[in-house]
N, C-alpha and C. Protein backbone atom coordinates (compact mmCIF):
# COMPACT_ATOMS: atom_id res chain seq x y z
N MET A 1 0.83 -1.21 -0.03
CA MET A 1 -0.10 -0.10 0.01
C MET A 1 0.85 1.29 0.03
N LYS A 2 2.04 1.11 0.70
CA LYS A 2 2.95 2.29 0.73
C LYS A 2 3.50 2.63 -0.61
N ALA A 3 3.85 1.49 -1.47
CA ALA A 3 4.39 1.71 -2.80
C ALA A 3 3.23 2.49 -3.71
N PHE A 4 1.99 2.07 -3.52
CA PHE A 4 0.99 2.72 -4.21
C PHE A 4 0.87 4.24 -3.91
N ALA A 5 0.90 4.55 -2.63
CA ALA A 5 0.79 5.90 -2.16
C ALA A 5 2.04 6.75 -2.70
N LEU A 6 3.22 6.12 -2.68
CA LEU A 6 4.37 6.77 -3.26
C LEU A 6 4.23 7.06 -4.81
N SER A 7 3.68 6.05 -5.44
CA SER A 7 3.56 6.21 -6.98
C SER A 7 2.46 7.31 -7.19
N VAL A 8 1.40 7.48 -6.36
CA VAL A 8 0.48 8.49 -6.60
C VAL A 8 1.08 9.83 -6.25
N GLN A 9 1.88 9.84 -5.18
CA GLN A 9 2.54 11.13 -4.87
C GLN A 9 3.48 11.62 -6.01
N LYS A 10 4.24 10.66 -6.54
CA LYS A 10 5.10 11.01 -7.58
C LYS A 10 4.32 11.41 -8.90
N PHE A 11 3.19 10.86 -9.16
CA PHE A 11 2.30 11.24 -10.31
C PHE A 11 1.81 12.72 -10.08
N LEU A 12 1.42 12.99 -8.87
CA LEU A 12 0.95 14.31 -8.57
C LEU A 12 1.84 15.46 -8.50
N VAL A 13 3.13 15.06 -8.17
CA VAL A 13 4.26 16.00 -8.18
C VAL A 13 4.80 16.13 -9.67
N SER A 14 4.87 15.16 -10.41
CA SER A 14 5.42 15.24 -11.74
C SER A 14 4.68 16.24 -12.58
N GLU A 15 5.48 16.97 -13.49
CA GLU A 15 4.92 18.02 -14.27
C GLU A 15 4.88 17.57 -15.72
N ASP A 16 5.08 16.33 -16.04
CA ASP A 16 5.16 15.79 -17.45
C ASP A 16 3.78 15.97 -18.05
N GLY A 17 2.77 15.63 -17.37
CA GLY A 17 1.39 15.73 -18.03
C GLY A 17 0.96 17.12 -18.34
N PRO A 18 1.08 17.99 -17.41
CA PRO A 18 0.63 19.45 -17.68
C PRO A 18 1.63 20.01 -18.79
N THR A 19 2.85 19.70 -18.78
CA THR A 19 3.71 20.26 -19.83
C THR A 19 3.35 19.70 -21.19
N ALA A 20 2.99 18.49 -21.30
CA ALA A 20 2.56 17.82 -22.56
C ALA A 20 1.33 18.60 -23.13
N VAL A 21 0.40 18.89 -22.18
CA VAL A 21 -0.88 19.56 -22.54
C VAL A 21 -0.64 20.92 -23.02
N GLU A 22 0.30 21.56 -22.40
CA GLU A 22 0.66 22.98 -22.69
C GLU A 22 1.39 22.96 -24.13
N TYR A 23 2.18 22.06 -24.41
CA TYR A 23 2.81 21.94 -25.73
C TYR A 23 1.76 21.61 -26.73
N ALA A 24 0.79 20.77 -26.52
CA ALA A 24 -0.23 20.48 -27.42
C ALA A 24 -1.06 21.69 -27.70
N VAL A 25 -1.42 22.43 -26.73
CA VAL A 25 -2.20 23.65 -26.90
C VAL A 25 -1.44 24.73 -27.80
N MET A 26 -0.11 24.91 -27.46
CA MET A 26 0.66 25.76 -28.30
C MET A 26 0.80 25.38 -29.69
N LEU A 27 0.95 24.05 -29.96
CA LEU A 27 1.02 23.49 -31.28
C LEU A 27 -0.36 23.80 -31.98
N ALA A 28 -1.52 23.57 -31.36
CA ALA A 28 -2.70 23.75 -32.02
C ALA A 28 -2.92 25.22 -32.45
N LEU A 29 -2.50 26.16 -31.46
CA LEU A 29 -2.58 27.52 -31.83
C LEU A 29 -1.68 27.98 -33.00
N ILE A 30 -0.47 27.41 -33.00
CA ILE A 30 0.44 27.65 -34.16
C ILE A 30 -0.16 27.20 -35.45
N VAL A 31 -0.75 26.02 -35.47
CA VAL A 31 -1.31 25.48 -36.63
C VAL A 31 -2.53 26.43 -37.13
N VAL A 32 -3.40 26.84 -36.20
CA VAL A 32 -4.43 27.70 -36.63
C VAL A 32 -3.92 28.96 -37.18
N VAL A 33 -2.93 29.57 -36.59
CA VAL A 33 -2.39 30.84 -37.13
C VAL A 33 -1.74 30.58 -38.47
N CYS A 34 -1.05 29.47 -38.72
CA CYS A 34 -0.43 29.19 -40.00
C CYS A 34 -1.54 28.99 -41.01
N LEU A 35 -2.48 28.24 -40.69
CA LEU A 35 -3.58 28.09 -41.70
C LEU A 35 -4.31 29.41 -42.06
N THR A 36 -4.52 30.19 -41.11
CA THR A 36 -5.12 31.50 -41.37
C THR A 36 -4.31 32.38 -42.23
N ALA A 37 -3.01 32.34 -41.93
CA ALA A 37 -2.07 33.21 -42.79
C ALA A 37 -2.04 32.64 -44.14
N ILE A 38 -1.90 31.36 -44.34
CA ILE A 38 -1.87 30.84 -45.67
C ILE A 38 -3.14 31.04 -46.49
N SER A 39 -4.21 30.93 -45.87
CA SER A 39 -5.50 31.25 -46.56
C SER A 39 -5.60 32.68 -46.99
N SER A 40 -5.13 33.52 -46.11
CA SER A 40 -5.24 34.98 -46.37
C SER A 40 -4.17 35.35 -47.67
N ILE A 41 -3.04 34.78 -47.47
CA ILE A 41 -2.03 34.98 -48.56
C ILE A 41 -2.51 34.46 -49.86
N GLY A 42 -3.19 33.29 -49.78
CA GLY A 42 -3.75 32.70 -51.14
C GLY A 42 -4.79 33.60 -51.67
N THR A 43 -5.65 34.10 -50.78
CA THR A 43 -6.77 34.91 -51.31
C THR A 43 -6.19 36.24 -51.95
N ASN A 44 -5.20 36.85 -51.21
CA ASN A 44 -4.59 38.09 -51.75
C ASN A 44 -3.88 37.83 -53.09
N ALA A 45 -3.20 36.67 -53.20
CA ALA A 45 -2.51 36.40 -54.38
C ALA A 45 -3.47 36.09 -55.56
N ASN A 46 -4.48 35.51 -55.19
CA ASN A 46 -5.54 35.22 -56.28
C ASN A 46 -6.10 36.47 -56.80
N THR A 47 -6.37 37.36 -55.89
CA THR A 47 -6.98 38.67 -56.32
C THR A 47 -5.92 39.40 -57.19
N THR A 48 -4.71 39.44 -56.73
CA THR A 48 -3.66 40.09 -57.53
C THR A 48 -3.52 39.58 -58.97
N PHE A 49 -3.38 38.30 -59.08
CA PHE A 49 -3.23 37.62 -60.27
C PHE A 49 -4.51 37.93 -61.24
N ASN A 50 -5.68 37.80 -60.68
CA ASN A 50 -6.84 38.19 -61.41
C ASN A 50 -6.89 39.73 -61.95
N SER A 51 -6.40 40.52 -61.05
CA SER A 51 -6.35 41.91 -61.47
C SER A 51 -5.30 42.14 -62.56
N VAL A 52 -4.15 41.57 -62.42
CA VAL A 52 -3.13 41.61 -63.53
C VAL A 52 -3.67 41.09 -64.84
N ALA A 53 -4.39 39.85 -64.82
CA ALA A 53 -4.79 39.25 -65.89
C ALA A 53 -5.86 40.16 -66.62
N THR A 54 -6.75 40.72 -65.87
CA THR A 54 -7.70 41.65 -66.40
C THR A 54 -7.14 42.83 -67.08
N LYS A 55 -6.15 43.48 -66.47
CA LYS A 55 -5.37 44.60 -67.01
C LYS A 55 -4.64 44.18 -68.29
N LEU A 56 -4.12 42.97 -68.37
CA LEU A 56 -3.43 42.58 -69.56
C LEU A 56 -4.38 42.10 -70.79
N GLY A 57 -5.70 42.10 -70.38
CA GLY A 57 -6.68 41.65 -71.39
C GLY A 57 -6.78 40.22 -71.53
N GLY A 58 -6.34 39.44 -70.50
CA GLY A 58 -6.45 38.00 -70.55
C GLY A 58 -7.79 37.62 -69.91
N THR A 59 -8.08 36.36 -69.83
CA THR A 59 -9.30 35.85 -69.31
C THR A 59 -9.06 35.17 -67.92
N SER A 60 -9.86 35.54 -67.01
CA SER A 60 -9.72 34.99 -65.72
C SER A 60 -10.85 34.02 -65.28
N SER A 61 -10.54 32.97 -64.62
CA SER A 61 -11.54 32.03 -64.30
C SER A 61 -11.98 31.99 -62.93
């Protein structure tokens, strides 16, 4: 029973679990920011290319 109590105490003192959760949350936020930035850049690039194609007299789809 003493070994079980010591293992529970080690688990409660250990910071591995919370640290892993913090890293997972940070990674998720980074992914969301990257996807938003890529989407925004893609939209702006598409608008620019369509504008240039229109000014050159080409057809845009």
